[in-house]
Amino acid sequence: MPFKKKTFRDKLEAQLSELAEQTDELRKQVVERAPGVRDQIVEQSNELARQVAVKAPVVRDQIVAALPDREQLLDLRDELFERLPENVQEKLPEKVKPKRTRLRKVAAVGVLTGAGAAAFAILKRRGETSSAYPAPTPATTPPPTTTAPPTVAPAPATPTAADLLDEAGDPQHKAPTT
């Protein structure tokens, strides 16, 4: 038995020495070819750099077109901020929190839109003739009664600011002093 182990060991040593020789030959070939391969890589990298420089604006435009615009990002930020619990919202830095001026801008746009719609409706109504709106049908009046309706006393006139000033200057209306 010991004889078989020795032959197996000899075979393994022979294979390892062959592999070491092959590795040494490959290393020598790589060393010989290294300058040429290096030069090829440098040439290819220069060409690739030129291609990237030519295609960069087109690729940049494609990337920019794929990105959401600033308004969409601000809306997303505001929505995400609102979803956070209040204790987390308080801990965030001020520059991350949504600005209240954005809400004012939205409200101002809404008010302006409403005012524009109202003005348009008024102008449209003025431009149309009165026949465009049907006249209301008169309500049927009950037969006249023989008793006279009660007369309603006219409402007292509301004093104006000038009347109040005149009364304040009138000595007759002053309160007695004791």
N, C-alpha and C. Protein backbone atom coordinates (compact mmCIF):
# COMPACT_ATOMS: atom_id res chain seq x y z
N MET A 1 0.77 -1.19 0.00
CA MET A 1 0.00 0.00 0.00
C MET A 1 0.82 1.27 0.00
N PRO A 2 1.84 1.34 0.78
CA PRO A 2 2.61 2.59 0.76
C PRO A 2 3.14 2.89 -0.63
N PHE A 3 3.34 1.88 -1.46
CA PHE A 3 3.86 2.10 -2.81
C PHE A 3 2.85 2.88 -3.66
N LYS A 4 1.57 2.59 -3.56
CA LYS A 4 0.56 3.27 -4.34
C LYS A 4 0.47 4.74 -3.96
N LYS A 5 0.58 5.04 -2.68
CA LYS A 5 0.50 6.43 -2.26
C LYS A 5 1.65 7.24 -2.86
N LYS A 6 2.78 6.63 -2.99
CA LYS A 6 3.93 7.35 -3.50
C LYS A 6 3.72 7.67 -4.98
N THR A 7 3.17 6.80 -5.76
CA THR A 7 2.95 7.07 -7.17
C THR A 7 1.88 8.14 -7.35
N PHE A 8 0.86 8.10 -6.50
CA PHE A 8 -0.18 9.11 -6.59
C PHE A 8 0.39 10.49 -6.26
N ARG A 9 1.25 10.49 -5.27
CA ARG A 9 1.89 11.74 -4.87
C ARG A 9 2.79 12.23 -5.99
N ASP A 10 3.53 11.32 -6.63
CA ASP A 10 4.39 11.72 -7.74
C ASP A 10 3.57 12.30 -8.89
N LYS A 11 2.42 11.69 -9.16
CA LYS A 11 1.56 12.20 -10.24
C LYS A 11 1.07 13.62 -9.91
N LEU A 12 0.67 13.81 -8.68
CA LEU A 12 0.20 15.14 -8.27
C LEU A 12 1.31 16.18 -8.37
N GLU A 13 2.48 15.82 -7.95
CA GLU A 13 3.61 16.75 -8.03
C GLU A 13 3.94 17.09 -9.47
N ALA A 14 3.87 16.08 -10.35
CA ALA A 14 4.16 16.31 -11.77
C ALA A 14 3.10 17.25 -12.36
N GLN A 15 1.84 17.04 -12.05
CA GLN A 15 0.78 17.92 -12.56
C GLN A 15 0.96 19.34 -12.03
N LEU A 16 1.29 19.47 -10.78
CA LEU A 16 1.49 20.80 -10.21
C LEU A 16 2.68 21.51 -10.84
N SER A 17 3.73 20.80 -11.11
CA SER A 17 4.90 21.44 -11.75
C SER A 17 4.56 21.87 -13.17
N GLU A 18 3.75 21.05 -13.90
CA GLU A 18 3.31 21.45 -15.24
C GLU A 18 2.45 22.72 -15.17
N LEU A 19 1.53 22.76 -14.21
CA LEU A 19 0.68 23.95 -14.05
C LEU A 19 1.52 25.17 -13.69
N ALA A 20 2.53 25.01 -12.88
CA ALA A 20 3.40 26.12 -12.52
C ALA A 20 4.16 26.62 -13.74
N GLU A 21 4.62 25.70 -14.61
CA GLU A 21 5.32 26.10 -15.84
C GLU A 21 4.37 26.86 -16.78
N GLN A 22 3.13 26.34 -16.93
CA GLN A 22 2.15 27.01 -17.79
C GLN A 22 1.83 28.42 -17.26
N THR A 23 1.70 28.52 -15.95
CA THR A 23 1.41 29.81 -15.35
C THR A 23 2.55 30.77 -15.59
N ASP A 24 3.77 30.29 -15.49
CA ASP A 24 4.93 31.14 -15.72
C ASP A 24 4.99 31.60 -17.18
N GLU A 25 4.67 30.70 -18.11
CA GLU A 25 4.65 31.07 -19.53
C GLU A 25 3.57 32.13 -19.79
N LEU A 26 2.38 31.93 -19.22
CA LEU A 26 1.31 32.92 -19.39
C LEU A 26 1.68 34.27 -18.80
N ARG A 27 2.36 34.26 -17.68
CA ARG A 27 2.80 35.51 -17.08
C ARG A 27 3.78 36.23 -17.98
N LYS A 28 4.69 35.49 -18.59
CA LYS A 28 5.65 36.10 -19.52
C LYS A 28 4.93 36.69 -20.73
N GLN A 29 3.93 35.96 -21.26
CA GLN A 29 3.18 36.47 -22.41
C GLN A 29 2.41 37.76 -22.06
N VAL A 30 1.84 37.76 -20.87
CA VAL A 30 1.10 38.97 -20.43
C VAL A 30 2.07 40.14 -20.31
N VAL A 31 3.25 39.89 -19.76
CA VAL A 31 4.22 40.97 -19.62
C VAL A 31 4.65 41.49 -20.99
N GLU A 32 4.83 40.59 -21.95
CA GLU A 32 5.23 41.00 -23.30
C GLU A 32 4.12 41.80 -23.99
N ARG A 33 2.89 41.37 -23.81
CA ARG A 33 1.77 42.01 -24.51
C ARG A 33 1.17 43.19 -23.75
N ALA A 34 1.52 43.38 -22.53
CA ALA A 34 0.91 44.42 -21.70
C ALA A 34 0.98 45.81 -22.32
N PRO A 35 2.13 46.26 -22.85
CA PRO A 35 2.15 47.61 -23.43
C PRO A 35 1.17 47.77 -24.60
N GLY A 36 1.07 46.75 -25.46
CA GLY A 36 0.13 46.82 -26.58
C GLY A 36 -1.32 46.86 -26.13
N VAL A 37 -1.65 46.02 -25.15
CA VAL A 37 -3.01 45.99 -24.62
C VAL A 37 -3.33 47.32 -23.94
N ARG A 38 -2.35 47.84 -23.21
CA ARG A 38 -2.55 49.14 -22.56
C ARG A 38 -2.83 50.23 -23.58
N ASP A 39 -2.08 50.23 -24.67
CA ASP A 39 -2.28 51.24 -25.72
C ASP A 39 -3.67 51.09 -26.37
N GLN A 40 -4.10 49.84 -26.58
CA GLN A 40 -5.43 49.61 -27.15
C GLN A 40 -6.52 50.15 -26.21
N ILE A 41 -6.34 49.90 -24.94
CA ILE A 41 -7.33 50.37 -23.97
C ILE A 41 -7.38 51.89 -23.95
N VAL A 42 -6.23 52.53 -24.01
CA VAL A 42 -6.18 54.00 -24.02
C VAL A 42 -6.87 54.55 -25.27
N GLU A 43 -6.60 53.93 -26.44
CA GLU A 43 -7.25 54.37 -27.67
C GLU A 43 -8.77 54.20 -27.59
N GLN A 44 -9.20 53.04 -27.10
CA GLN A 44 -10.64 52.78 -26.98
C GLN A 44 -11.29 53.75 -25.98
N SER A 45 -10.59 54.05 -24.91
CA SER A 45 -11.17 54.95 -23.92
C SER A 45 -11.29 56.37 -24.49
N ASN A 46 -10.31 56.78 -25.30
CA ASN A 46 -10.41 58.11 -25.93
C ASN A 46 -11.60 58.16 -26.89
N GLU A 47 -11.79 57.10 -27.67
CA GLU A 47 -12.92 57.04 -28.61
C GLU A 47 -14.24 57.03 -27.84
N LEU A 48 -14.30 56.25 -26.77
CA LEU A 48 -15.52 56.20 -25.96
C LEU A 48 -15.81 57.56 -25.33
N ALA A 49 -14.76 58.25 -24.90
CA ALA A 49 -14.96 59.58 -24.32
C ALA A 49 -15.54 60.54 -25.35
N ARG A 50 -15.07 60.47 -26.60
CA ARG A 50 -15.62 61.32 -27.66
C ARG A 50 -17.08 60.98 -27.93
N GLN A 51 -17.41 59.68 -27.96
CA GLN A 51 -18.80 59.27 -28.20
C GLN A 51 -19.71 59.76 -27.07
N VAL A 52 -19.23 59.67 -25.84
CA VAL A 52 -20.03 60.13 -24.71
C VAL A 52 -20.23 61.65 -24.81
N ALA A 53 -19.18 62.39 -25.19
CA ALA A 53 -19.31 63.84 -25.32
C ALA A 53 -20.32 64.21 -26.40
N VAL A 54 -20.38 63.43 -27.48
CA VAL A 54 -21.33 63.72 -28.56
C VAL A 54 -22.76 63.37 -28.12
N LYS A 55 -22.93 62.25 -27.45
CA LYS A 55 -24.26 61.79 -27.08
C LYS A 55 -24.76 62.39 -25.77
N ALA A 56 -23.92 63.05 -25.02
CA ALA A 56 -24.30 63.55 -23.69
C ALA A 56 -25.50 64.49 -23.71
N PRO A 57 -25.55 65.48 -24.61
CA PRO A 57 -26.73 66.36 -24.58
C PRO A 57 -28.04 65.62 -24.83
N VAL A 58 -28.02 64.66 -25.74
CA VAL A 58 -29.24 63.91 -26.05
C VAL A 58 -29.66 63.08 -24.84
N VAL A 59 -28.71 62.42 -24.23
CA VAL A 59 -29.00 61.59 -23.06
C VAL A 59 -29.47 62.47 -21.91
N ARG A 60 -28.81 63.63 -21.73
CA ARG A 60 -29.21 64.55 -20.67
C ARG A 60 -30.66 65.01 -20.87
N ASP A 61 -31.02 65.34 -22.12
CA ASP A 61 -32.37 65.77 -22.41
C ASP A 61 -33.38 64.65 -22.13
N GLN A 62 -33.02 63.42 -22.45
CA GLN A 62 -33.91 62.30 -22.18
C GLN A 62 -34.11 62.11 -20.68
N ILE A 63 -33.03 62.25 -19.93
CA ILE A 63 -33.12 62.10 -18.47
C ILE A 63 -33.97 63.22 -17.88
N VAL A 64 -33.75 64.44 -18.33
CA VAL A 64 -34.52 65.57 -17.82
C VAL A 64 -35.99 65.41 -18.17
N ALA A 65 -36.29 64.90 -19.37
CA ALA A 65 -37.68 64.70 -19.77
C ALA A 65 -38.34 63.62 -18.90
N ALA A 66 -37.58 62.65 -18.45
CA ALA A 66 -38.15 61.58 -17.64
C ALA A 66 -38.38 62.00 -16.19
N LEU A 67 -37.68 63.04 -15.74
CA LEU A 67 -37.83 63.49 -14.36
C LEU A 67 -39.11 64.29 -14.20
N PRO A 68 -39.74 64.21 -13.03
CA PRO A 68 -40.92 65.06 -12.80
C PRO A 68 -40.48 66.51 -12.63
N ASP A 69 -41.38 67.45 -12.96
CA ASP A 69 -41.01 68.85 -12.86
C ASP A 69 -41.04 69.29 -11.40
N ARG A 70 -40.56 70.49 -11.17
CA ARG A 70 -40.39 71.02 -9.82
C ARG A 70 -41.73 71.09 -9.07
N GLU A 71 -42.78 71.50 -9.75
CA GLU A 71 -44.09 71.61 -9.10
C GLU A 71 -44.57 70.24 -8.61
N GLN A 72 -44.37 69.21 -9.44
CA GLN A 72 -44.80 67.86 -9.04
C GLN A 72 -44.00 67.39 -7.83
N LEU A 73 -42.71 67.68 -7.82
CA LEU A 73 -41.88 67.27 -6.69
C LEU A 73 -42.31 68.00 -5.42
N LEU A 74 -42.62 69.28 -5.53
CA LEU A 74 -43.08 70.02 -4.35
C LEU A 74 -44.42 69.47 -3.85
N ASP A 75 -45.31 69.13 -4.76
CA ASP A 75 -46.59 68.55 -4.36
C ASP A 75 -46.37 67.21 -3.65
N LEU A 76 -45.49 66.38 -4.21
CA LEU A 76 -45.19 65.09 -3.58
C LEU A 76 -44.60 65.29 -2.19
N ARG A 77 -43.70 66.26 -2.06
CA ARG A 77 -43.08 66.53 -0.77
C ARG A 77 -44.14 66.95 0.25
N ASP A 78 -45.04 67.85 -0.18
CA ASP A 78 -46.08 68.31 0.73
C ASP A 78 -46.99 67.17 1.15
N GLU A 79 -47.38 66.31 0.21
CA GLU A 79 -48.25 65.18 0.53
C GLU A 79 -47.56 64.22 1.50
N LEU A 80 -46.29 63.93 1.25
CA LEU A 80 -45.56 63.03 2.14
C LEU A 80 -45.41 63.63 3.53
N PHE A 81 -45.17 64.94 3.58
CA PHE A 81 -45.01 65.61 4.87
C PHE A 81 -46.31 65.53 5.67
N GLU A 82 -47.45 65.70 4.99
CA GLU A 82 -48.73 65.65 5.68
C GLU A 82 -49.03 64.25 6.21
N ARG A 83 -48.50 63.22 5.59
CA ARG A 83 -48.75 61.84 6.04
C ARG A 83 -47.96 61.49 7.29
N LEU A 84 -46.90 62.23 7.56
CA LEU A 84 -46.07 61.92 8.72
C LEU A 84 -46.80 62.25 10.02
N PRO A 85 -46.53 61.50 11.06
CA PRO A 85 -47.10 61.86 12.37
C PRO A 85 -46.56 63.21 12.82
N GLU A 86 -47.31 63.91 13.67
CA GLU A 86 -46.93 65.27 14.06
C GLU A 86 -45.60 65.29 14.82
N ASN A 87 -45.33 64.28 15.65
CA ASN A 87 -44.08 64.30 16.39
C ASN A 87 -42.88 64.14 15.46
N VAL A 88 -43.07 63.46 14.34
CA VAL A 88 -42.00 63.33 13.35
C VAL A 88 -41.87 64.63 12.56
N GLN A 89 -43.00 65.26 12.23
CA GLN A 89 -42.97 66.52 11.49
C GLN A 89 -42.21 67.59 12.27
N GLU A 90 -42.39 67.60 13.59
CA GLU A 90 -41.72 68.61 14.41
C GLU A 90 -40.21 68.42 14.42
N LYS A 91 -39.75 67.18 14.28
CA LYS A 91 -38.32 66.91 14.36
C LYS A 91 -37.57 67.21 13.07
N LEU A 92 -38.29 67.37 11.96
CA LEU A 92 -37.64 67.63 10.68
C LEU A 92 -37.09 69.05 10.65
N PRO A 93 -36.00 69.27 9.90
CA PRO A 93 -35.46 70.63 9.79
C PRO A 93 -36.43 71.54 9.03
N GLU A 94 -36.33 72.85 9.28
CA GLU A 94 -37.26 73.81 8.69
C GLU A 94 -37.20 73.83 7.17
N LYS A 95 -36.01 73.60 6.60
CA LYS A 95 -35.91 73.68 5.13
C LYS A 95 -36.63 72.54 4.43
N VAL A 96 -36.95 71.46 5.15
CA VAL A 96 -37.66 70.33 4.56
C VAL A 96 -39.17 70.55 4.64
N LYS A 97 -39.61 71.30 5.62
CA LYS A 97 -41.04 71.50 5.83
C LYS A 97 -41.61 72.33 4.68
N PRO A 98 -42.86 72.03 4.28
CA PRO A 98 -43.47 72.81 3.19
C PRO A 98 -43.71 74.25 3.63
N LYS A 99 -43.55 75.15 2.69
CA LYS A 99 -43.74 76.56 2.97
C LYS A 99 -45.22 76.89 2.92
N ARG A 100 -45.66 77.79 3.77
CA ARG A 100 -47.06 78.21 3.80
C ARG A 100 -47.37 79.14 2.63
N THR A 101 -46.34 79.75 2.05
CA THR A 101 -46.59 80.66 0.92
C THR A 101 -47.16 79.89 -0.26
N ARG A 102 -46.84 78.63 -0.36
CA ARG A 102 -47.39 77.82 -1.44
C ARG A 102 -48.91 77.73 -1.31
N LEU A 103 -49.39 77.58 -0.09
CA LEU A 103 -50.82 77.55 0.16
C LEU A 103 -51.45 78.89 -0.21
N ARG A 104 -50.76 79.96 0.10
CA ARG A 104 -51.27 81.29 -0.26
C ARG A 104 -51.36 81.45 -1.76
N LYS A 105 -50.37 80.94 -2.47
CA LYS A 105 -50.39 81.05 -3.94
C LYS A 105 -51.58 80.29 -4.50
N VAL A 106 -51.84 79.11 -3.98
CA VAL A 106 -52.97 78.31 -4.46
C VAL A 106 -54.27 79.04 -4.16
N ALA A 107 -54.38 79.62 -2.97
CA ALA A 107 -55.59 80.35 -2.61
C ALA A 107 -55.76 81.58 -3.49
N ALA A 108 -54.67 82.29 -3.77
CA ALA A 108 -54.75 83.47 -4.63
C ALA A 108 -55.19 83.09 -6.03
N VAL A 109 -54.67 82.01 -6.55
CA VAL A 109 -55.08 81.56 -7.88
C VAL A 109 -56.56 81.20 -7.88
N GLY A 110 -57.03 80.57 -6.82
CA GLY A 110 -58.45 80.21 -6.72
C GLY A 110 -59.34 81.44 -6.66
N VAL A 111 -58.93 82.45 -5.89
CA VAL A 111 -59.71 83.68 -5.80
C VAL A 111 -59.75 84.38 -7.15
N LEU A 112 -58.60 84.46 -7.81
CA LEU A 112 -58.55 85.12 -9.12
C LEU A 112 -59.40 84.38 -10.15
N THR A 113 -59.37 83.08 -10.10
CA THR A 113 -60.17 82.29 -11.03
C THR A 113 -61.66 82.52 -10.79
N GLY A 114 -62.05 82.53 -9.52
CA GLY A 114 -63.45 82.78 -9.19
C GLY A 114 -63.90 84.17 -9.61
N ALA A 115 -63.05 85.17 -9.39
CA ALA A 115 -63.39 86.54 -9.79
C ALA A 115 -63.51 86.64 -11.31
N GLY A 116 -62.61 85.98 -12.00
CA GLY A 116 -62.68 85.99 -13.47
C GLY A 116 -63.95 85.33 -13.98
N ALA A 117 -64.34 84.23 -13.36
CA ALA A 117 -65.56 83.55 -13.77
C ALA A 117 -66.79 84.41 -13.51
N ALA A 118 -66.81 85.09 -12.36
CA ALA A 118 -67.93 85.97 -12.05
C ALA A 118 -68.01 87.13 -13.03
N ALA A 119 -66.86 87.74 -13.34
CA ALA A 119 -66.84 88.85 -14.31
C ALA A 119 -67.31 88.36 -15.67
N PHE A 120 -66.89 87.19 -16.06
CA PHE A 120 -67.31 86.64 -17.36
C PHE A 120 -68.82 86.43 -17.38
N ALA A 121 -69.37 85.91 -16.29
CA ALA A 121 -70.81 85.68 -16.24
C ALA A 121 -71.58 86.99 -16.32
N ILE A 122 -71.09 88.02 -15.63
CA ILE A 122 -71.76 89.33 -15.65
C ILE A 122 -71.70 89.91 -17.05
N LEU A 123 -70.53 89.88 -17.67
CA LEU A 123 -70.40 90.44 -19.01
C LEU A 123 -71.24 89.67 -20.02
N LYS A 124 -71.32 88.40 -19.86
CA LYS A 124 -72.12 87.58 -20.78
C LYS A 124 -73.59 87.92 -20.62
N ARG A 125 -74.01 88.12 -19.39
CA ARG A 125 -75.42 88.44 -19.15
C ARG A 125 -75.76 89.83 -19.69
N ARG A 126 -74.87 90.79 -19.55
CA ARG A 126 -75.11 92.13 -20.06
C ARG A 126 -75.19 92.14 -21.58
N GLY A 127 -74.40 91.32 -22.20
CA GLY A 127 -74.34 91.28 -23.66
C GLY A 127 -75.59 90.69 -24.27
N GLU A 128 -76.31 89.88 -23.55
CA GLU A 128 -77.50 89.25 -24.11
C GLU A 128 -78.69 90.18 -24.01
N THR A 129 -79.67 90.01 -24.87
CA THR A 129 -80.87 90.84 -24.83
C THR A 129 -81.78 90.36 -23.72
N SER A 130 -82.75 91.22 -23.37
CA SER A 130 -83.65 90.86 -22.28
C SER A 130 -84.59 89.73 -22.69
N SER A 131 -84.77 89.53 -24.00
CA SER A 131 -85.66 88.46 -24.44
C SER A 131 -85.03 87.08 -24.24
N ALA A 132 -83.74 87.06 -23.95
CA ALA A 132 -83.09 85.78 -23.74
C ALA A 132 -83.57 85.14 -22.45
N TYR A 133 -83.98 85.98 -21.51
CA TYR A 133 -84.48 85.45 -20.25
C TYR A 133 -86.00 85.56 -20.27
N PRO A 134 -86.70 84.49 -20.09
CA PRO A 134 -88.18 84.56 -20.14
C PRO A 134 -88.69 85.36 -18.96
N ALA A 135 -89.68 86.17 -19.22
CA ALA A 135 -90.28 86.98 -18.16
C ALA A 135 -91.06 86.06 -17.24
N PRO A 136 -91.01 86.34 -15.96
CA PRO A 136 -91.74 85.48 -15.03
C PRO A 136 -93.24 85.66 -15.24
N THR A 137 -93.96 84.60 -15.11
CA THR A 137 -95.41 84.68 -15.27
C THR A 137 -96.00 85.32 -14.03
N PRO A 138 -96.95 86.24 -14.22
CA PRO A 138 -97.51 86.90 -13.03
C PRO A 138 -98.31 85.89 -12.22
N ALA A 139 -98.19 86.05 -10.93
CA ALA A 139 -98.90 85.13 -10.03
C ALA A 139 -100.38 85.49 -10.08
N THR A 140 -101.20 84.50 -9.96
CA THR A 140 -102.64 84.77 -9.97
C THR A 140 -103.00 85.51 -8.71
N THR A 141 -103.72 86.62 -8.89
CA THR A 141 -104.07 87.43 -7.73
C THR A 141 -105.44 86.99 -7.23
N PRO A 142 -105.63 86.96 -5.94
CA PRO A 142 -106.92 86.58 -5.40
C PRO A 142 -107.94 87.69 -5.68
N PRO A 143 -109.20 87.36 -5.73
CA PRO A 143 -110.21 88.40 -5.98
C PRO A 143 -110.14 89.47 -4.90
N PRO A 144 -110.39 90.71 -5.29
CA PRO A 144 -110.26 91.80 -4.31
C PRO A 144 -111.27 91.63 -3.18
N THR A 145 -110.84 91.97 -2.02
CA THR A 145 -111.69 91.88 -0.84
C THR A 145 -112.30 93.23 -0.55
N THR A 146 -113.37 93.23 0.14
CA THR A 146 -114.08 94.48 0.41
C THR A 146 -113.46 95.24 1.56
N THR A 147 -112.75 94.57 2.41
CA THR A 147 -112.14 95.27 3.53
C THR A 147 -110.82 95.85 3.08
N ALA A 148 -110.51 97.00 3.58
CA ALA A 148 -109.25 97.65 3.23
C ALA A 148 -108.12 96.99 4.02
N PRO A 149 -107.00 96.77 3.36
CA PRO A 149 -105.89 96.16 4.09
C PRO A 149 -105.35 97.14 5.12
N PRO A 150 -104.83 96.62 6.19
CA PRO A 150 -104.28 97.53 7.21
C PRO A 150 -103.09 98.29 6.64
N THR A 151 -103.00 99.53 7.03
CA THR A 151 -101.90 100.37 6.54
C THR A 151 -100.68 100.11 7.42
N VAL A 152 -99.57 100.07 6.78
CA VAL A 152 -98.33 99.82 7.49
C VAL A 152 -97.67 101.16 7.70
N ALA A 153 -97.29 101.44 8.91
CA ALA A 153 -96.61 102.70 9.19
C ALA A 153 -95.22 102.66 8.57
N PRO A 154 -94.77 103.78 8.01
CA PRO A 154 -93.44 103.77 7.41
C PRO A 154 -92.38 103.55 8.49
N ALA A 155 -91.35 102.85 8.10
CA ALA A 155 -90.26 102.55 9.04
C ALA A 155 -89.53 103.84 9.35
N PRO A 156 -89.12 104.00 10.62
CA PRO A 156 -88.39 105.23 10.95
C PRO A 156 -87.07 105.25 10.19
N ALA A 157 -86.72 106.43 9.75
CA ALA A 157 -85.48 106.58 8.99
C ALA A 157 -84.30 106.33 9.91
N THR A 158 -83.33 105.61 9.39
CA THR A 158 -82.13 105.36 10.19
C THR A 158 -81.28 106.62 10.16
N PRO A 159 -80.81 107.05 11.33
CA PRO A 159 -80.01 108.29 11.35
C PRO A 159 -78.68 108.07 10.65
N THR A 160 -78.25 109.09 9.96
CA THR A 160 -76.95 109.03 9.31
C THR A 160 -75.89 109.55 10.26
N ALA A 161 -74.66 109.44 9.87
CA ALA A 161 -73.57 109.93 10.70
C ALA A 161 -73.67 111.43 10.89
N ALA A 162 -74.12 112.17 9.87
CA ALA A 162 -74.24 113.62 9.99
C ALA A 162 -75.31 113.98 10.99
N ASP A 163 -76.44 113.23 11.00
CA ASP A 163 -77.49 113.49 11.97
C ASP A 163 -77.00 113.26 13.39
N LEU A 164 -76.23 112.22 13.57
CA LEU A 164 -75.72 111.94 14.91
C LEU A 164 -74.78 113.02 15.38
N LEU A 165 -73.97 113.57 14.48
CA LEU A 165 -73.05 114.64 14.85
C LEU A 165 -73.83 115.91 15.20
N ASP A 166 -74.91 116.20 14.44
CA ASP A 166 -75.71 117.38 14.73
C ASP A 166 -76.35 117.26 16.11
N GLU A 167 -76.86 116.09 16.44
CA GLU A 167 -77.50 115.90 17.74
C GLU A 167 -76.49 116.03 18.86
N ALA A 168 -75.25 115.57 18.64
CA ALA A 168 -74.24 115.66 19.68
C ALA A 168 -73.89 117.11 19.96
N GLY A 169 -73.96 117.95 18.95
CA GLY A 169 -73.63 119.37 19.14
C GLY A 169 -74.81 120.16 19.65
N ASP A 170 -76.04 119.65 19.60
CA ASP A 170 -77.24 120.35 20.03
C ASP A 170 -77.31 120.33 21.55
N PRO A 171 -77.38 121.50 22.22
CA PRO A 171 -77.40 121.52 23.69
C PRO A 171 -78.69 120.93 24.24
N GLN A 172 -79.73 120.90 23.44
CA GLN A 172 -81.01 120.40 23.91
C GLN A 172 -80.93 118.90 24.21
N HIS A 173 -80.10 118.19 23.45
CA HIS A 173 -80.00 116.73 23.58
C HIS A 173 -78.90 116.29 24.55
N LYS A 174 -78.17 117.23 25.11
CA LYS A 174 -77.10 116.84 26.03
C LYS A 174 -77.69 116.35 27.34
N ALA A 175 -77.02 115.47 27.95
CA ALA A 175 -77.48 114.96 29.22
C ALA A 175 -77.23 116.02 30.31
N PRO A 176 -78.15 116.13 31.25
CA PRO A 176 -77.95 117.13 32.30
C PRO A 176 -76.75 116.76 33.16
N THR A 177 -76.01 117.76 33.56
CA THR A 177 -74.84 117.54 34.41
C THR A 177 -75.22 117.88 35.85
N THR A 178 -74.74 117.19 36.77
CA THR A 178 -75.06 117.46 38.18
C THR A 178 -73.91 118.00 38.91
